[in-house]
Amino acid sequence: MLTLVPTPIGNIADISLRAMDALSKADVLLCEDTRVTKKLLNILKERYSLERKEQRFISLHSHNEQAFIDKIEPSFFDEDVVYVSDAGMPGISDPGQLLVRYCQDKGISYDILPGANALLTAFVASGFVNTQMLFFGFLPHKGKERATALQGALHNGFTTVLYEAPHRLEKLLKELCDEVPKRRIFLAKELTKKYQKYFFASADEIEQQISKEMIKGEWVVVIESAPARASALSEKDILELEIPKKSAAKLISKITGENTKACYQRLLELE
């Protein structure tokens, strides 16, 4: 059986009784970073007298997750297998979803334990009353991909949540000021940790509040919803253009987010 176990995002007291029970009984611990997991287990032993059996530790991170899935057999899960990311809920900007899909495809029992999560904590703390929310995770680092993703985050019609690394926060704040200076933004720094801090103001005001000395730490950015930006072209407009189906499919994909291959196949079926 597979169990995905969330771990504290800062405050160790956020560990749940179910999580400790799963960690203590696991035969195999799949870890985003085995060093981080072993440190957590030592803290839990010292603070809560966590007892464990002899266990195997296996590194499973974003760079080797697919290769790991490709080589294992379903019998691997005859033992009690637990997956933990470094902090928070596995599968939320962390590995884990491929393991779940594998278990679904192979008919293997699995369970997901609830627990600490920066995304939901920041969303509730933001106070934005539009409870329809989109999570973008980390935006691409640079170039056209980042610009496109940022536009999607700002003009989708929903409250939007981003994760941002400290060394890119200043860049993000400048981008927000350039694009939507009066849009209300909520920032959460170092959630559940000693230096947790909230910022809530318009984008241009927040840029003035946060100095370079304050940027160090983990950040969650919540952007208030605004009316979605309508596309200048509709699918009907594109289909009326005298262009190849593949080009039309690419344009429609850019506008709607639909998979390009699926869109192309759908256009072929319309003939």
Protein backbone atom coordinates (compact mmCIF):
# COMPACT_ATOMS: atom_id res chain seq x y z
CA MET A 1 0.00 0.00 0.00
CA LEU A 2 1.07 3.58 -0.64
CA THR A 3 0.42 6.47 1.75
CA LEU A 4 1.23 10.08 0.96
CA VAL A 5 2.05 11.86 4.21
CA PRO A 6 2.18 15.66 4.56
CA THR A 7 4.84 17.11 6.83
CA PRO A 8 5.02 20.47 8.66
CA ILE A 9 5.80 23.50 6.52
CA GLY A 10 7.55 25.18 9.45
CA ASN A 11 6.10 24.54 12.89
CA ILE A 12 6.87 20.95 13.90
CA ALA A 13 3.76 20.88 16.12
CA ASP A 14 1.62 20.79 12.97
CA ILE A 15 2.45 17.11 12.48
CA SER A 16 -0.68 14.99 12.87
CA LEU A 17 -1.14 11.82 14.91
CA ARG A 18 -2.04 9.93 11.73
CA ALA A 19 1.12 11.16 10.01
CA MET A 20 3.30 10.02 12.90
CA ASP A 21 1.57 6.65 12.94
CA ALA A 22 2.17 6.19 9.21
CA LEU A 23 5.81 7.25 9.52
CA SER A 24 6.41 4.84 12.40
CA LYS A 25 4.84 1.82 10.64
CA ALA A 26 6.30 2.32 7.15
CA ASP A 27 8.56 -0.38 5.74
CA VAL A 28 9.81 1.93 2.98
CA LEU A 29 10.12 5.71 3.11
CA LEU A 30 10.22 7.44 -0.27
CA CYS A 31 11.64 10.90 0.34
CA GLU A 32 12.11 14.01 -1.75
CA ASP A 33 15.33 14.39 0.25
CA THR A 34 16.31 11.54 2.58
CA ARG A 35 18.41 13.91 4.72
CA VAL A 36 15.45 16.20 5.37
CA THR A 37 13.17 13.27 6.25
CA LYS A 38 15.72 11.71 8.60
CA LYS A 39 16.13 15.05 10.37
CA LEU A 40 12.34 15.30 10.77
CA LEU A 41 12.14 11.78 12.18
CA ASN A 42 14.89 12.54 14.70
CA ILE A 43 13.02 15.66 15.86
CA LEU A 44 9.80 13.65 16.19
CA LYS A 45 11.64 11.03 18.21
CA GLU A 46 13.09 13.60 20.58
CA ARG A 47 9.92 15.67 20.99
CA TYR A 48 7.15 13.07 20.75
CA SER A 49 9.00 9.80 21.45
CA LEU A 50 8.24 8.48 17.97
CA GLU A 51 9.22 4.82 17.72
CA ARG A 52 10.10 3.24 14.39
CA LYS A 53 11.01 -0.13 13.00
CA GLU A 54 14.00 -0.72 10.71
CA GLN A 55 13.16 1.12 7.51
CA ARG A 56 14.49 1.59 4.00
CA PHE A 57 14.97 5.14 2.70
CA ILE A 58 14.74 5.80 -1.05
CA SER A 59 15.26 9.17 -2.71
CA LEU A 60 12.35 10.17 -4.96
CA HIS A 61 12.36 13.71 -6.35
CA SER A 62 11.21 15.59 -9.42
CA HIS A 63 14.30 14.60 -11.43
CA ASN A 64 13.98 10.83 -10.94
CA GLU A 65 10.26 10.28 -10.27
CA GLN A 66 9.37 9.09 -13.77
CA ALA A 67 12.42 6.80 -13.98
CA PHE A 68 11.51 5.30 -10.59
CA ILE A 69 7.92 4.66 -11.72
CA ASP A 70 9.13 3.05 -14.94
CA LYS A 71 11.30 0.46 -13.18
CA ILE A 72 9.19 -0.64 -10.18
CA GLU A 73 6.76 -3.56 -10.12
CA PRO A 74 3.36 -3.56 -8.37
CA SER A 75 4.82 -5.98 -5.81
CA PHE A 76 6.90 -3.05 -4.50
CA PHE A 77 3.74 -1.92 -2.73
CA ASP A 78 3.19 -5.25 -0.97
CA GLU A 79 5.01 -3.50 1.88
CA ASP A 80 3.82 -0.34 3.61
CA VAL A 81 5.27 2.46 1.47
CA VAL A 82 5.13 6.11 2.57
CA TYR A 83 6.03 9.10 0.43
CA VAL A 84 6.97 12.44 2.02
CA SER A 85 8.15 15.62 0.35
CA ASP A 86 10.44 18.03 2.20
CA ALA A 87 7.54 20.06 3.61
CA GLY A 88 3.80 20.29 3.09
CA MET A 89 1.49 18.16 0.98
CA PRO A 90 3.04 15.83 -1.60
CA GLY A 91 1.72 16.51 -5.08
CA ILE A 92 1.36 20.28 -4.53
CA SER A 93 4.38 21.70 -6.39
CA ASP A 94 6.14 18.54 -5.20
CA PRO A 95 6.34 14.96 -6.52
CA GLY A 96 3.65 12.46 -5.65
CA GLN A 97 1.02 12.56 -8.39
CA LEU A 98 2.83 10.03 -10.59
CA LEU A 99 2.84 7.59 -7.69
CA VAL A 100 -0.90 8.04 -7.22
CA ARG A 101 -1.55 7.54 -10.94
CA TYR A 102 0.60 4.40 -10.92
CA CYS A 103 -1.45 2.96 -8.05
CA GLN A 104 -4.69 3.80 -9.87
CA ASP A 105 -3.48 2.15 -13.08
CA LYS A 106 -2.28 -0.98 -11.29
CA GLY A 107 -5.16 -1.34 -8.83
CA ILE A 108 -2.91 -0.74 -5.81
CA SER A 109 -4.42 0.55 -2.56
CA TYR A 110 -3.34 4.05 -1.57
CA ASP A 111 -4.30 6.77 0.89
CA ILE A 112 -3.63 10.51 1.18
CA LEU A 113 -3.41 12.01 4.66
CA PRO A 114 -4.51 15.64 5.16
CA GLY A 115 -2.12 18.09 6.73
CA ALA A 116 -0.09 21.28 6.53
CA ASN A 117 -0.28 23.12 3.22
CA ALA A 118 1.01 26.60 2.35
CA LEU A 119 -1.43 27.04 -0.55
CA LEU A 120 -4.63 26.72 1.50
CA THR A 121 -3.20 28.47 4.56
CA ALA A 122 -2.31 31.57 2.54
CA PHE A 123 -5.58 31.50 0.59
CA VAL A 124 -7.65 31.59 3.78
CA ALA A 125 -5.35 34.18 5.38
CA SER A 126 -5.74 36.49 2.36
CA GLY A 127 -9.34 37.35 3.23
CA PHE A 128 -10.34 37.48 -0.44
CA VAL A 129 -14.00 36.54 -0.53
CA ASN A 130 -14.00 34.98 -4.01
CA THR A 131 -13.62 31.35 -2.99
CA GLN A 132 -13.07 30.23 -6.58
CA MET A 133 -9.32 29.89 -6.71
CA LEU A 134 -6.62 28.86 -9.18
CA PHE A 135 -3.18 27.65 -8.13
CA PHE A 136 -0.29 28.38 -10.50
CA GLY A 137 2.55 27.03 -8.34
CA PHE A 138 5.90 28.53 -9.37
CA LEU A 139 5.81 30.63 -12.53
CA PRO A 140 8.43 29.87 -15.21
CA HIS A 141 11.66 31.67 -14.41
CA LYS A 142 12.00 33.91 -17.44
CA GLY A 143 11.23 34.71 -21.04
CA LYS A 144 8.05 34.28 -23.03
CA GLU A 145 6.87 31.38 -20.89
CA ARG A 146 6.95 33.52 -17.76
CA ALA A 147 5.21 36.44 -19.45
CA THR A 148 2.44 34.18 -20.74
CA ALA A 149 1.98 32.46 -17.38
CA LEU A 150 1.85 35.81 -15.57
CA GLN A 151 -0.88 37.06 -17.90
CA GLY A 152 -2.82 33.90 -17.19
CA ALA A 153 -2.43 34.39 -13.45
CA LEU A 154 -3.59 38.01 -13.58
CA HIS A 155 -6.51 37.81 -16.00
CA ASN A 156 -8.31 34.52 -15.39
CA GLY A 157 -11.23 35.82 -13.33
CA PHE A 158 -10.31 33.91 -10.16
CA THR A 159 -8.33 34.51 -7.00
CA THR A 160 -4.87 33.21 -7.94
CA VAL A 161 -2.19 31.71 -5.70
CA LEU A 162 1.52 31.57 -6.58
CA TYR A 163 4.60 30.26 -4.86
CA GLU A 164 7.74 32.38 -5.24
CA ALA A 165 11.36 31.90 -4.27
CA PRO A 166 13.01 34.77 -2.36
CA HIS A 167 15.54 35.52 -5.10
CA ARG A 168 12.71 36.10 -7.61
CA LEU A 169 10.21 37.91 -5.36
CA GLU A 170 11.54 41.37 -6.20
CA LYS A 171 11.14 40.60 -9.91
CA LEU A 172 7.56 39.39 -9.39
CA LEU A 173 6.59 42.49 -7.42
CA LYS A 174 7.95 44.73 -10.18
CA GLU A 175 5.99 42.74 -12.77
CA LEU A 176 2.80 43.11 -10.72
CA CYS A 177 3.36 46.86 -10.37
CA ASP A 178 3.87 47.19 -14.10
CA GLU A 179 0.79 45.13 -14.99
CA VAL A 180 -1.76 45.71 -12.20
CA PRO A 181 -0.43 48.38 -9.80
CA LYS A 182 -3.77 48.89 -8.01
CA ARG A 183 -4.77 45.21 -7.75
CA ARG A 184 -4.90 44.02 -4.15
CA ILE A 185 -2.22 41.48 -3.29
CA PHE A 186 -1.68 39.32 -0.19
CA LEU A 187 1.78 37.97 0.63
CA ALA A 188 2.60 35.41 3.31
CA LYS A 189 6.21 35.01 4.38
CA GLU A 190 7.57 31.94 6.20
CA LEU A 191 4.16 30.45 7.04
CA THR A 192 3.95 28.82 10.51
CA LYS A 193 7.59 29.70 11.24
CA LYS A 194 9.07 32.08 13.80
CA TYR A 195 9.26 35.01 11.38
CA GLN A 196 5.86 34.53 9.73
CA LYS A 197 4.53 37.80 8.38
CA TYR A 198 1.55 38.95 6.29
CA PHE A 199 1.41 41.83 3.79
CA PHE A 200 -1.87 43.07 2.34
CA ALA A 201 -2.18 46.09 0.03
CA SER A 202 -2.19 47.09 -3.62
CA ALA A 203 0.72 45.83 -5.69
CA ASP A 204 2.46 49.21 -5.83
CA GLU A 205 2.05 49.71 -2.06
CA ILE A 206 3.45 46.28 -1.25
CA GLU A 207 6.52 46.88 -3.42
CA GLN A 208 7.27 49.92 -1.24
CA GLN A 209 6.72 47.95 1.99
CA ILE A 210 9.11 45.10 1.29
CA SER A 211 12.79 45.94 1.39
CA LYS A 212 15.61 43.77 0.05
CA GLU A 213 16.50 42.85 3.63
CA MET A 214 13.02 41.39 4.18
CA ILE A 215 12.94 39.17 1.08
CA LYS A 216 14.76 36.18 2.57
CA GLY A 217 12.39 33.26 3.19
CA GLU A 218 9.59 31.30 1.53
CA TRP A 219 6.70 33.26 0.03
CA VAL A 220 3.12 32.62 -1.05
CA VAL A 221 1.46 35.30 -3.19
CA VAL A 222 -2.34 35.59 -3.44
CA ILE A 223 -3.72 37.88 -6.17
CA GLU A 224 -7.26 39.20 -5.89
CA SER A 225 -9.60 38.21 -8.70
CA ALA A 226 -10.53 40.59 -11.50
CA PRO A 227 -12.79 40.16 -14.53
CA ALA A 228 -11.26 37.73 -16.99
CA ARG A 229 -9.72 39.31 -20.06
CA ALA A 230 -11.65 38.32 -23.15
CA SER A 231 -9.69 37.03 -26.10
CA ALA A 232 -9.71 39.18 -29.19
CA LEU A 233 -10.32 36.08 -31.33
CA SER A 234 -12.84 33.31 -30.79
CA GLU A 235 -12.48 29.74 -32.03
CA LYS A 236 -15.10 30.54 -34.68
CA ASP A 237 -12.98 33.48 -35.91
CA ILE A 238 -9.92 31.28 -36.19
CA LEU A 239 -11.74 28.53 -38.09
CA GLU A 240 -12.89 31.11 -40.63
CA LEU A 241 -9.27 32.00 -41.43
CA GLU A 242 -7.74 30.31 -44.45
CA ILE A 243 -4.93 28.64 -42.52
CA PRO A 244 -3.91 24.98 -42.08
CA LYS A 245 -5.68 22.96 -39.39
CA LYS A 246 -2.43 22.55 -37.43
CA SER A 247 -1.93 26.32 -37.27
CA ALA A 248 -5.56 26.81 -36.25
CA ALA A 249 -5.15 24.21 -33.52
CA LYS A 250 -2.10 26.01 -32.16
CA LEU A 251 -3.93 29.34 -32.03
CA ILE A 252 -6.96 27.83 -30.30
CA SER A 253 -4.66 26.10 -27.84
CA LYS A 254 -2.99 29.41 -26.97
CA ILE A 255 -6.37 31.02 -26.27
CA THR A 256 -8.15 28.20 -24.44
CA GLY A 257 -5.33 26.16 -22.91
CA GLU A 258 -6.62 23.05 -24.70
CA ASN A 259 -4.02 20.44 -25.60
CA THR A 260 -2.82 21.21 -29.14
CA LYS A 261 -2.94 17.59 -30.35
CA ALA A 262 -6.42 17.06 -28.93
CA CYS A 263 -7.56 20.31 -30.52
CA TYR A 264 -6.12 19.30 -33.90
CA GLN A 265 -7.86 15.92 -33.74
CA ARG A 266 -11.13 17.63 -32.87
CA LEU A 267 -10.80 19.98 -35.85
CA LEU A 268 -10.18 17.03 -38.16
CA GLU A 269 -13.35 15.37 -36.89
CA LEU A 270 -15.34 18.52 -37.71
CA GLU A 271 -14.65 18.12 -41.42
